[in-house]
N, C-alpha and C. Protein backbone atom coordinates (compact mmCIF):
# COMPACT_ATOMS: atom_id res chain seq x y z
N MET A 1 34.63 12.70 -1.58
CA MET A 1 34.11 12.26 -0.55
C MET A 1 32.68 11.48 -0.81
N ASN A 2 31.96 10.33 -1.28
CA ASN A 2 31.03 10.10 -1.50
C ASN A 2 30.21 9.86 -0.22
N ARG A 3 29.15 10.83 0.08
CA ARG A 3 28.41 10.83 1.63
C ARG A 3 26.66 10.03 1.12
N GLU A 4 26.76 9.42 1.97
CA GLU A 4 25.03 8.82 1.44
C GLU A 4 24.05 9.96 2.10
N PRO A 5 22.75 10.40 1.59
CA PRO A 5 22.11 11.30 2.09
C PRO A 5 21.42 10.38 3.42
N ARG A 6 20.64 11.62 4.50
CA ARG A 6 20.25 11.19 5.50
C ARG A 6 18.76 10.84 4.98
N ARG A 7 18.31 9.24 5.48
CA ARG A 7 17.46 8.79 5.24
C ARG A 7 16.71 8.29 6.73
N CYS A 8 15.44 8.11 6.37
CA CYS A 8 14.57 7.75 7.53
C CYS A 8 15.00 6.64 8.30
N ALA A 9 14.87 7.12 9.35
CA ALA A 9 15.74 5.66 10.79
C ALA A 9 14.84 4.03 10.14
N TRP A 10 13.63 4.27 9.73
CA TRP A 10 13.43 2.66 9.93
C TRP A 10 14.02 1.66 8.93
N LEU A 11 14.93 2.46 8.03
CA LEU A 11 15.21 1.68 6.59
C LEU A 11 16.56 0.79 7.40
N ASN A 12 16.40 -0.46 6.65
CA ASN A 12 17.79 -1.17 6.97
C ASN A 12 18.45 -0.79 5.76
N ASP A 13 20.06 -1.79 5.62
CA ASP A 13 20.84 -1.34 4.53
C ASP A 13 20.41 -2.08 3.04
N ASP A 14 19.67 -2.88 3.31
CA ASP A 14 19.34 -3.58 1.84
C ASP A 14 19.04 -2.86 0.62
N PRO A 15 19.58 -3.03 -0.61
CA PRO A 15 19.59 -1.60 -1.71
C PRO A 15 18.10 -1.87 -2.05
N LEU A 16 17.29 -2.94 -2.36
CA LEU A 16 16.23 -3.07 -2.37
C LEU A 16 15.31 -2.40 -1.49
N TYR A 17 15.38 -2.35 -0.08
CA TYR A 17 14.53 -1.04 0.70
C TYR A 17 15.06 0.10 0.68
N ILE A 18 16.25 0.26 0.63
CA ILE A 18 16.85 2.01 -0.06
C ILE A 18 16.03 2.33 -1.25
N ALA A 19 16.29 1.33 -2.20
CA ALA A 19 15.78 1.94 -3.43
C ALA A 19 14.27 1.99 -3.32
N TYR A 20 13.46 1.70 -2.75
CA TYR A 20 12.27 1.80 -2.58
C TYR A 20 11.99 2.90 -1.82
N HIS A 21 12.57 3.16 -0.45
CA HIS A 21 12.52 4.15 0.26
C HIS A 21 12.88 5.28 -0.83
N ASP A 22 14.06 5.68 -1.53
CA ASP A 22 14.52 6.56 -2.22
C ASP A 22 13.37 7.14 -3.64
N THR A 23 12.64 6.05 -4.38
CA THR A 23 12.14 6.45 -5.35
C THR A 23 10.94 6.10 -5.56
N GLU A 24 10.21 5.26 -4.32
CA GLU A 24 8.43 5.11 -4.42
C GLU A 24 7.73 5.22 -3.33
N TRP A 25 8.49 5.29 -1.89
CA TRP A 25 7.59 5.71 -0.67
C TRP A 25 7.69 7.06 -0.64
N GLY A 26 5.83 7.40 -0.56
CA GLY A 26 5.78 8.58 -0.29
C GLY A 26 5.23 9.38 -1.23
N VAL A 27 6.06 8.65 -3.06
CA VAL A 27 5.37 9.43 -4.21
C VAL A 27 4.07 9.52 -4.49
N PRO A 28 3.65 10.77 -4.51
CA PRO A 28 2.25 11.25 -4.61
C PRO A 28 1.57 10.05 -5.83
N GLN A 29 0.86 8.92 -5.89
CA GLN A 29 0.16 8.32 -7.04
C GLN A 29 -1.43 8.42 -7.29
N HIS A 30 -1.59 8.62 -8.16
CA HIS A 30 -3.15 8.30 -9.06
C HIS A 30 -3.54 7.44 -9.96
N GLU A 31 -2.37 6.41 -10.11
CA GLU A 31 -2.94 5.50 -11.17
C GLU A 31 -3.50 4.14 -10.64
N PRO A 32 -4.63 4.71 -11.03
CA PRO A 32 -5.94 3.28 -9.88
C PRO A 32 -5.35 2.19 -9.82
N LEU A 33 -4.84 1.39 -10.88
CA LEU A 33 -4.38 -0.06 -11.18
C LEU A 33 -2.80 -0.09 -9.94
N VAL A 34 -2.39 0.93 -9.90
CA VAL A 34 -0.79 0.91 -8.80
C VAL A 34 -1.61 1.51 -7.69
N LEU A 35 -2.31 1.91 -7.06
CA LEU A 35 -3.10 2.06 -6.10
C LEU A 35 -3.81 1.19 -5.72
N PHE A 36 -4.07 0.02 -6.58
CA PHE A 36 -5.32 -1.00 -6.28
C PHE A 36 -3.92 -2.19 -5.63
N GLU A 37 -2.89 -2.46 -6.72
CA GLU A 37 -1.59 -3.25 -6.10
C GLU A 37 -1.22 -2.87 -4.79
N SER A 38 -0.77 -1.20 -4.60
CA SER A 38 -0.08 -0.92 -3.12
C SER A 38 -1.11 -1.36 -1.92
N LEU A 39 -3.05 -1.15 -2.57
CA LEU A 39 -3.58 -1.72 -1.01
C LEU A 39 -3.41 -2.63 -0.79
N LEU A 40 -3.45 -3.84 -1.78
CA LEU A 40 -3.53 -5.39 -1.70
C LEU A 40 -2.07 -5.77 -0.86
N LEU A 41 -1.11 -4.92 -1.36
CA LEU A 41 0.33 -5.76 -0.45
C LEU A 41 0.54 -4.75 0.68
N GLU A 42 -0.01 -3.58 1.18
CA GLU A 42 -0.45 -3.16 2.54
C GLU A 42 -1.12 -4.25 3.38
N GLY A 43 -2.20 -4.83 2.74
CA GLY A 43 -3.53 -5.93 3.03
C GLY A 43 -2.68 -6.92 3.53
N ALA A 44 -1.32 -7.22 2.93
CA ALA A 44 -0.72 -8.45 3.04
C ALA A 44 0.09 -8.27 3.89
N GLN A 45 0.95 -7.20 4.20
CA GLN A 45 1.32 -6.81 5.12
C GLN A 45 0.56 -6.65 7.20
N ALA A 46 0.02 -6.64 6.69
CA ALA A 46 -0.62 -6.95 8.32
C ALA A 46 -0.17 -7.92 8.89
N GLY A 47 -0.02 -7.75 10.43
CA GLY A 47 1.08 -8.44 11.10
C GLY A 47 2.66 -8.77 11.00
N LEU A 48 2.70 -8.07 9.81
CA LEU A 48 4.26 -8.23 9.58
C LEU A 48 5.00 -7.18 9.06
N SER A 49 6.22 -6.98 8.41
CA SER A 49 6.89 -6.09 8.39
C SER A 49 6.87 -5.50 6.73
N TRP A 50 6.74 -4.38 6.24
CA TRP A 50 6.92 -4.34 4.97
C TRP A 50 7.79 -4.74 4.00
N TYR A 51 8.82 -4.66 5.39
CA TYR A 51 10.18 -5.31 4.31
C TYR A 51 10.04 -7.24 3.36
N THR A 52 9.36 -7.97 4.30
CA THR A 52 8.60 -9.36 4.22
C THR A 52 8.24 -8.68 2.75
N ILE A 53 7.28 -8.01 2.84
CA ILE A 53 6.19 -8.39 1.49
C ILE A 53 7.05 -7.53 0.57
N LEU A 54 8.13 -6.55 0.95
CA LEU A 54 8.73 -6.23 -0.71
C LEU A 54 9.63 -7.01 -1.45
N LYS A 55 10.19 -7.75 -0.33
CA LYS A 55 10.94 -8.84 -0.68
C LYS A 55 10.37 -9.64 -1.56
N LYS A 56 9.32 -9.88 -1.63
CA LYS A 56 8.52 -10.78 -2.08
C LYS A 56 7.28 -10.26 -3.10
N ARG A 57 7.40 -8.97 -3.33
CA ARG A 57 6.41 -8.19 -4.53
C ARG A 57 6.16 -8.76 -5.54
N GLU A 58 7.11 -9.06 -6.36
CA GLU A 58 7.66 -10.19 -7.29
C GLU A 58 6.83 -11.01 -7.48
N GLY A 59 7.09 -11.90 -6.29
CA GLY A 59 6.65 -13.09 -6.61
C GLY A 59 4.21 -13.05 -6.23
N TYR A 60 4.72 -11.87 -5.87
CA TYR A 60 2.91 -11.40 -5.26
C TYR A 60 2.34 -10.73 -7.24
N ARG A 61 3.37 -10.11 -7.64
CA ARG A 61 2.54 -9.81 -9.17
C ARG A 61 2.64 -10.99 -9.71
N ASN A 62 3.63 -12.18 -9.85
CA ASN A 62 3.58 -13.51 -10.30
C ASN A 62 2.26 -13.88 -10.18
N ALA A 63 2.02 -14.58 -8.73
CA ALA A 63 1.37 -14.84 -8.47
C ALA A 63 -0.40 -14.38 -8.38
N PHE A 64 -0.60 -13.44 -8.57
CA PHE A 64 -2.03 -12.79 -8.88
C PHE A 64 -1.93 -11.92 -10.14
N ALA A 65 -1.65 -12.40 -11.08
CA ALA A 65 -1.74 -11.90 -12.33
C ALA A 65 -1.84 -10.29 -12.58
N GLY A 66 -0.41 -10.29 -11.94
CA GLY A 66 0.25 -8.35 -12.61
C GLY A 66 -0.55 -7.75 -11.57
N PHE A 67 -1.45 -8.27 -10.59
CA PHE A 67 -2.96 -7.75 -9.78
C PHE A 67 -3.76 -6.71 -10.55
N ASP A 68 -3.93 -7.66 -12.44
CA ASP A 68 -5.40 -7.16 -12.68
C ASP A 68 -6.60 -7.58 -12.33
N PRO A 69 -7.55 -6.68 -11.71
CA PRO A 69 -8.09 -6.51 -10.91
C PRO A 69 -9.45 -7.72 -12.03
N VAL A 70 -9.37 -7.91 -12.94
CA VAL A 70 -10.08 -8.78 -13.87
C VAL A 70 -9.79 -10.21 -13.70
N ARG A 71 -8.66 -10.19 -13.64
CA ARG A 71 -8.37 -11.52 -13.89
C ARG A 71 -8.00 -12.10 -12.69
N LEU A 72 -7.88 -11.09 -11.50
CA LEU A 72 -7.64 -11.79 -10.29
C LEU A 72 -9.35 -12.03 -9.62
N ALA A 73 -10.11 -11.20 -10.17
CA ALA A 73 -11.67 -11.53 -9.67
C ALA A 73 -11.67 -13.12 -9.87
N ARG A 74 -11.29 -13.60 -10.92
CA ARG A 74 -12.10 -14.82 -11.14
C ARG A 74 -11.26 -15.78 -10.85
N PHE A 75 -10.04 -15.84 -10.01
CA PHE A 75 -9.67 -17.27 -9.22
C PHE A 75 -10.39 -17.53 -8.17
N ASP A 76 -10.49 -18.90 -8.60
CA ASP A 76 -11.72 -19.57 -7.94
C ASP A 76 -10.84 -20.27 -7.07
N ALA A 77 -11.44 -21.73 -5.74
CA ALA A 77 -11.17 -22.07 -4.65
C ALA A 77 -10.04 -22.57 -4.87
N ARG A 78 -9.54 -24.01 -6.43
CA ARG A 78 -8.82 -24.55 -6.64
C ARG A 78 -7.36 -23.79 -7.09
N ARG A 79 -7.51 -22.50 -7.78
CA ARG A 79 -6.48 -21.79 -7.41
C ARG A 79 -5.99 -21.02 -6.23
N ILE A 80 -6.87 -20.80 -5.46
CA ILE A 80 -6.14 -20.44 -4.01
C ILE A 80 -5.32 -21.57 -3.26
N ASP A 81 -6.16 -22.56 -3.30
CA ASP A 81 -5.56 -23.73 -2.90
C ASP A 81 -4.13 -24.25 -2.85
N ARG A 82 -4.00 -23.40 -4.55
CA ARG A 82 -2.22 -23.89 -5.33
C ARG A 82 -1.66 -22.31 -4.42
N LEU A 83 -2.57 -21.48 -4.51
CA LEU A 83 -1.06 -20.09 -3.89
C LEU A 83 -1.23 -20.52 -2.09
N VAL A 84 -2.02 -21.05 -1.45
CA VAL A 84 -1.29 -21.56 -0.38
C VAL A 84 -0.20 -21.95 -0.08
N LEU A 85 -0.45 -22.67 -1.19
CA LEU A 85 1.52 -23.16 -1.17
C LEU A 85 2.79 -23.24 -1.65
N ASP A 86 2.22 -21.37 -2.33
CA ASP A 86 3.49 -20.72 -2.83
C ASP A 86 4.10 -20.08 -2.23
N PRO A 87 5.29 -20.49 -1.94
CA PRO A 87 6.49 -19.94 -1.11
C PRO A 87 7.25 -18.62 -1.58
N ALA A 88 6.57 -18.56 -2.90
CA ALA A 88 6.54 -16.53 -3.78
C ALA A 88 6.19 -15.82 -2.77
N ILE A 89 4.88 -15.67 -1.48
CA ILE A 89 4.22 -15.07 -1.06
C ILE A 89 3.82 -15.68 0.05
N VAL A 90 3.23 -14.43 0.92
CA VAL A 90 2.71 -15.29 2.80
C VAL A 90 1.64 -15.89 2.34
N ARG A 91 1.69 -17.26 2.74
CA ARG A 91 0.84 -18.22 2.61
C ARG A 91 -0.39 -18.17 3.46
N HIS A 92 -1.19 -17.52 3.24
CA HIS A 92 -2.28 -17.19 4.33
C HIS A 92 -3.41 -16.70 3.97
N ARG A 93 -4.11 -17.74 3.96
CA ARG A 93 -5.72 -18.05 2.95
C ARG A 93 -6.57 -17.11 3.02
N GLY A 94 -6.32 -16.44 4.58
CA GLY A 94 -7.60 -15.05 4.42
C GLY A 94 -6.94 -14.26 3.91
N LYS A 95 -5.46 -13.70 3.62
CA LYS A 95 -5.46 -12.67 2.97
C LYS A 95 -5.68 -12.59 1.58
N ILE A 96 -5.12 -14.00 0.82
CA ILE A 96 -5.25 -14.70 -0.40
C ILE A 96 -6.43 -14.34 -1.11
N GLU A 97 -7.49 -15.28 -0.12
CA GLU A 97 -9.52 -14.91 -0.65
C GLU A 97 -9.49 -13.04 -0.42
N ALA A 98 -8.81 -12.25 0.31
CA ALA A 98 -9.45 -10.85 0.22
C ALA A 98 -8.61 -10.35 -0.83
N PHE A 99 -7.43 -10.57 -1.48
CA PHE A 99 -7.35 -10.50 -2.75
C PHE A 99 -8.09 -10.57 -3.75
N VAL A 100 -8.77 -11.78 -3.98
CA VAL A 100 -9.50 -12.25 -4.71
C VAL A 100 -11.25 -10.78 -4.76
N GLY A 101 -11.58 -10.99 -3.11
CA GLY A 101 -12.56 -10.54 -3.07
C GLY A 101 -12.43 -8.97 -3.12
N ASN A 102 -11.44 -8.08 -2.73
CA ASN A 102 -11.15 -6.88 -3.27
C ASN A 102 -10.57 -6.49 -4.64
N ALA A 103 -10.41 -7.52 -5.44
CA ALA A 103 -10.85 -7.17 -7.15
C ALA A 103 -12.38 -7.41 -7.33
N ARG A 104 -12.67 -7.81 -6.84
CA ARG A 104 -14.31 -7.97 -7.00
C ARG A 104 -14.75 -6.53 -6.36
N ALA A 105 -14.42 -5.53 -5.53
CA ALA A 105 -15.22 -5.03 -5.03
C ALA A 105 -14.50 -3.22 -5.88
N TYR A 106 -13.36 -3.88 -6.28
CA TYR A 106 -12.98 -2.72 -6.94
C TYR A 106 -13.60 -2.98 -8.74
N LEU A 107 -13.73 -3.69 -8.95
CA LEU A 107 -14.82 -4.15 -9.70
C LEU A 107 -16.09 -3.40 -9.81
N ALA A 108 -16.21 -3.64 -8.95
CA ALA A 108 -18.19 -3.17 -8.67
C ALA A 108 -17.97 -1.76 -8.58
N MET A 109 -16.99 -1.04 -8.08
CA MET A 109 -16.64 0.31 -8.11
C MET A 109 -16.70 1.23 -9.73
N ARG A 110 -15.72 0.31 -10.38
CA ARG A 110 -15.35 0.61 -11.89
C ARG A 110 -16.74 0.19 -12.45
N ASP A 111 -17.37 -0.44 -12.28
CA ASP A 111 -18.48 -0.96 -13.33
C ASP A 111 -19.94 0.20 -12.57
N ALA A 112 -19.74 0.61 -11.89
CA ALA A 112 -20.78 1.79 -11.05
C ALA A 112 -20.24 3.14 -11.76
N GLY A 113 -18.97 3.42 -12.39
CA GLY A 113 -18.62 4.58 -12.52
C GLY A 113 -18.22 5.04 -11.72
N GLU A 114 -17.44 4.47 -10.73
CA GLU A 114 -16.61 5.64 -9.78
C GLU A 114 -15.38 5.18 -9.55
N ASP A 115 -14.50 6.24 -9.81
CA ASP A 115 -13.02 6.31 -9.67
C ASP A 115 -12.23 5.89 -8.51
N PHE A 116 -11.81 5.25 -8.69
CA PHE A 116 -11.15 4.37 -6.98
C PHE A 116 -9.98 5.25 -6.99
N ALA A 117 -9.41 5.83 -7.65
CA ALA A 117 -7.99 6.93 -7.35
C ALA A 117 -8.87 8.02 -6.57
N SER A 118 -9.93 8.67 -7.48
CA SER A 118 -10.99 10.00 -6.80
C SER A 118 -11.25 9.57 -5.00
N LEU A 119 -11.90 8.32 -5.37
CA LEU A 119 -12.73 8.23 -3.58
C LEU A 119 -11.21 8.00 -2.50
N LEU A 120 -9.83 7.33 -3.01
CA LEU A 120 -8.70 6.99 -2.04
C LEU A 120 -8.35 8.81 -1.52
N TRP A 121 -7.95 9.63 -2.82
CA TRP A 121 -7.64 10.86 -2.60
C TRP A 121 -8.29 12.05 -1.72
N SER A 122 -10.18 11.55 -1.89
CA SER A 122 -10.92 12.31 -1.05
C SER A 122 -10.67 12.38 0.02
N PHE A 123 -9.80 11.39 0.98
CA PHE A 123 -9.67 11.52 1.80
C PHE A 123 -8.41 12.38 2.51
N VAL A 124 -7.95 12.84 1.38
CA VAL A 124 -6.65 14.05 2.12
C VAL A 124 -7.08 15.28 0.79
N ASP A 125 -8.46 15.82 0.76
CA ASP A 125 -8.81 16.51 -0.07
C ASP A 125 -8.34 16.39 -1.76
N GLY A 126 -7.58 15.71 -1.58
CA GLY A 126 -6.92 15.22 -3.43
C GLY A 126 -5.64 16.28 -3.42
N GLN A 127 -5.12 16.43 -2.08
CA GLN A 127 -3.49 17.01 -1.95
C GLN A 127 -2.67 16.27 -0.86
N PRO A 128 -1.27 16.25 -1.28
CA PRO A 128 -0.76 15.24 -0.06
C PRO A 128 -0.54 15.77 1.13
N ARG A 129 -0.69 15.52 2.08
CA ARG A 129 -0.63 15.97 3.59
C ARG A 129 1.08 15.95 3.78
N HIS A 130 1.35 17.02 4.40
CA HIS A 130 3.12 17.23 4.20
C HIS A 130 3.26 17.41 6.11
N ASN A 131 3.69 15.78 6.69
CA ASN A 131 4.11 16.34 8.28
C ASN A 131 4.95 16.55 8.50
N ARG A 132 5.75 16.82 9.32
CA ARG A 132 6.82 17.27 10.02
C ARG A 132 7.56 16.77 10.84
N TRP A 133 7.49 15.63 10.95
CA TRP A 133 8.12 14.64 12.40
C TRP A 133 9.21 14.67 12.31
N ARG A 134 9.96 14.84 13.37
CA ARG A 134 11.60 14.53 13.59
C ARG A 134 12.05 13.30 13.52
N ASP A 135 11.07 12.17 14.14
CA ASP A 135 11.50 11.15 14.52
C ASP A 135 10.64 10.22 14.44
N THR A 136 10.38 8.88 13.85
CA THR A 136 10.21 7.72 13.64
C THR A 136 9.03 7.62 14.67
N SER A 137 9.21 7.94 15.96
CA SER A 137 8.62 7.51 17.16
C SER A 137 7.44 8.24 16.63
N GLU A 138 7.07 9.63 16.59
CA GLU A 138 5.87 10.78 16.28
C GLU A 138 5.10 10.20 15.35
N VAL A 139 5.15 9.31 14.30
CA VAL A 139 4.94 8.82 13.48
C VAL A 139 3.59 8.09 13.90
N PRO A 140 2.12 8.40 13.92
CA PRO A 140 1.05 7.79 14.09
C PRO A 140 1.11 6.63 12.96
N ALA A 141 0.37 5.39 14.11
CA ALA A 141 0.14 4.20 13.60
C ALA A 141 -1.23 4.12 12.50
N SER A 142 -1.80 5.46 12.78
CA SER A 142 -3.52 5.19 11.98
C SER A 142 -3.78 6.63 12.70
N THR A 143 -4.93 7.41 11.60
CA THR A 143 -5.29 8.77 11.85
C THR A 143 -6.83 8.72 11.57
N PRO A 144 -7.32 9.96 12.02
CA PRO A 144 -8.65 10.15 11.79
C PRO A 144 -9.33 9.67 10.37
N GLU A 145 -8.34 10.18 9.50
CA GLU A 145 -8.39 9.64 8.08
C GLU A 145 -8.68 8.36 7.61
N SER A 146 -7.47 7.78 8.02
CA SER A 146 -7.27 6.11 7.56
C SER A 146 -8.36 5.85 8.20
N ALA A 147 -8.76 5.96 9.47
CA ALA A 147 -10.26 4.97 10.16
C ALA A 147 -11.22 5.21 9.37
N GLN A 148 -11.50 6.90 8.67
CA GLN A 148 -13.08 7.03 7.67
C GLN A 148 -12.55 6.07 6.21
N LEU A 149 -11.13 6.25 5.92
CA LEU A 149 -10.89 5.03 4.49
C LEU A 149 -11.36 3.77 5.19
N SER A 150 -10.74 3.39 6.05
CA SER A 150 -10.97 2.02 6.69
C SER A 150 -12.57 1.53 6.25
N ARG A 151 -13.26 2.57 7.05
CA ARG A 151 -14.79 2.26 6.99
C ARG A 151 -15.45 2.30 6.16
N GLU A 152 -14.94 2.93 4.96
CA GLU A 152 -15.43 3.04 3.65
C GLU A 152 -15.27 2.39 2.91
N LEU A 153 -13.79 1.83 2.93
CA LEU A 153 -13.90 0.67 1.97
C LEU A 153 -14.00 -0.92 2.54
N LYS A 154 -14.14 -1.07 3.58
CA LYS A 154 -15.00 -1.87 4.30
C LYS A 154 -16.69 -1.89 4.03
N ARG A 155 -17.04 -0.84 3.25
CA ARG A 155 -18.43 -0.48 3.11
C ARG A 155 -18.61 -1.14 1.68
N ARG A 156 -17.34 -0.78 1.14
CA ARG A 156 -17.60 -1.17 -0.08
C ARG A 156 -17.05 -2.73 -0.50
N GLY A 157 -16.83 -3.64 0.44
CA GLY A 157 -16.75 -5.12 0.38
C GLY A 157 -15.00 -5.42 0.39
N PHE A 158 -14.23 -4.26 1.03
CA PHE A 158 -13.04 -4.47 1.04
C PHE A 158 -12.57 -5.01 2.03
N ARG A 159 -11.26 -6.38 1.90
CA ARG A 159 -11.02 -6.88 3.14
C ARG A 159 -9.46 -6.87 3.11
N PHE A 160 -8.83 -6.44 5.21
CA PHE A 160 -7.47 -6.46 5.34
C PHE A 160 -7.47 -5.11 5.24
N VAL A 161 -7.90 -4.00 5.47
CA VAL A 161 -7.83 -2.70 4.93
C VAL A 161 -8.62 -2.06 6.51
N GLY A 162 -7.39 -2.25 7.34
CA GLY A 162 -7.92 -1.77 8.97
C GLY A 162 -7.46 -0.27 8.61
N PRO A 163 -7.55 0.51 9.83
CA PRO A 163 -6.90 1.87 9.97
C PRO A 163 -5.85 1.86 10.09
N THR A 164 -4.67 1.27 10.45
CA THR A 164 -3.17 0.87 10.33
C THR A 164 -2.97 0.59 9.30
N THR A 165 -3.32 -0.35 8.69
CA THR A 165 -3.18 -0.61 7.23
C THR A 165 -3.80 0.86 6.32
N CYS A 166 -4.47 0.96 6.43
CA CYS A 166 -4.89 2.24 5.70
C CYS A 166 -3.94 2.94 5.52
N TYR A 167 -3.32 3.49 7.08
CA TYR A 167 -2.43 4.58 7.44
C TYR A 167 -1.03 4.22 6.37
N ALA A 168 -0.61 3.10 7.05
CA ALA A 168 0.61 2.98 5.95
C ALA A 168 0.45 2.66 4.23
N PHE A 169 -0.78 2.37 3.96
CA PHE A 169 -0.89 2.57 2.08
C PHE A 169 -1.13 4.06 2.27
N MET A 170 -1.47 4.90 2.67
CA MET A 170 -1.45 6.39 2.52
C MET A 170 -0.12 6.62 2.72
N GLN A 171 1.02 6.64 3.35
CA GLN A 171 2.00 6.81 3.36
C GLN A 171 2.87 6.39 2.23
N ALA A 172 2.08 5.43 2.01
CA ALA A 172 3.33 4.48 0.77
C ALA A 172 2.78 5.12 -0.84
N VAL A 173 1.21 5.58 -0.74
CA VAL A 173 1.48 6.07 -2.26
C VAL A 173 1.21 7.84 -1.98
N GLY A 174 1.86 8.24 -0.85
CA GLY A 174 2.05 9.84 -0.91
C GLY A 174 0.55 10.36 -0.95
N MET A 175 -0.09 9.94 0.12
CA MET A 175 -1.26 10.99 0.40
C MET A 175 -1.00 11.80 1.21
N VAL A 176 0.39 11.09 2.06
CA VAL A 176 0.99 11.82 3.58
C VAL A 176 2.41 11.37 3.07
N ASN A 177 3.13 12.30 3.50
CA ASN A 177 4.47 12.62 3.29
C ASN A 177 5.15 12.96 4.88
N ASP A 178 5.28 11.71 5.02
CA ASP A 178 5.66 11.14 6.53
C ASP A 178 7.42 10.40 6.54
N HIS A 179 7.86 11.34 5.49
CA HIS A 179 9.57 10.83 5.82
C HIS A 179 10.02 11.91 6.47
N THR A 180 10.49 11.21 7.65
CA THR A 180 11.00 12.44 9.03
C THR A 180 12.00 14.18 7.90
N VAL A 181 12.26 14.99 8.52
CA VAL A 181 12.34 16.53 8.29
C VAL A 181 13.92 16.07 8.01
N SER A 182 14.73 15.33 8.62
CA SER A 182 16.30 15.20 8.74
C SER A 182 15.92 14.33 7.19
N CYS A 183 15.51 13.77 6.49
CA CYS A 183 15.36 12.74 5.39
C CYS A 183 15.17 13.53 4.10
N PHE A 184 16.71 13.32 3.33
CA PHE A 184 16.50 14.14 1.95
C PHE A 184 15.38 13.49 1.26
N ARG A 185 14.40 12.96 1.73
CA ARG A 185 13.51 12.55 0.82
C ARG A 185 12.25 13.54 1.06
N HIS A 186 12.41 14.24 2.31
CA HIS A 186 11.09 14.82 2.70
C HIS A 186 10.77 16.19 1.91
N CYS A 187 11.83 16.73 1.57
CA CYS A 187 11.91 18.10 1.32
C CYS A 187 11.50 17.82 -0.60
N GLU A 188 11.90 17.12 -1.01
CA GLU A 188 11.91 16.74 -2.52
C GLU A 188 10.25 16.34 -3.33
N LEU A 189 9.25 15.39 -2.16
CA LEU A 189 8.35 15.15 -2.24
C LEU A 189 7.71 16.55 -2.66
N PRO A 190 6.59 16.45 -3.90
CA PRO A 190 5.53 17.63 -4.45
C PRO A 190 5.17 18.35 -3.18
N ALA A 191 4.68 19.22 -2.90
CA ALA A 191 3.85 19.73 -1.70
C ALA A 191 2.25 19.54 -2.43
N GLY A 192 1.39 19.59 -1.94
CA GLY A 192 -0.06 19.76 -2.38
C GLY A 192 -0.72 20.84 -3.39
C-alpha cells in the first residue's frame, strides 16, 4: 500500500504545489541570486496567495531576465509598460517597478562590497530557526525578526518588503522551519 506522507495543511493537491512544499519550502538557501529571486517573488505575492505566484513563476523568470539583477536594473519605462500587459505575470505596475528598484538596491549592496545572503541570514544569527507548530493556525504572520529585516531592506531602498512579506520569505528560504511537527518535512530539514 502506497501511503502519502503527512504534509502541512495549507497545501492543495496540485503536484506543482506539493513538489514546491516537498523540495523547496523551508530548505536553507544561501545563494544570493536565489535569495534575490525569492524575495522578489514574495513581494509579488503581497495581497495574493503563494500558489498564484508559484503557478506564474516561470512567467516571472522569463519576463524579468531570469532575475539577473544587472539586466533587471536596466529595465526602462517602455519595458515596464510592456510588462504591465504580460498575462504570464501579475500585472501590477507598482510591483513591477519594485522589481526594477530592488535590483538596483541589490546591486548597490554588491557594489559596496556587502553580501546579500549574509545580511539576510544575520536576522536569525546565521542559523535556521526550528519552530514546533502543531497547527498552521499557530504560525505567525510576522515576527520581530521579520519586522527588523523589513526595516533594514526598506532603509536600503527595497520595496514590497513589509514584515509579513519578509516572514513569508524567511519561511520559504529556510531561515525558519515552519513545517508543522506532523509534516514529514519538519524533521528532515537541517538544524542550525
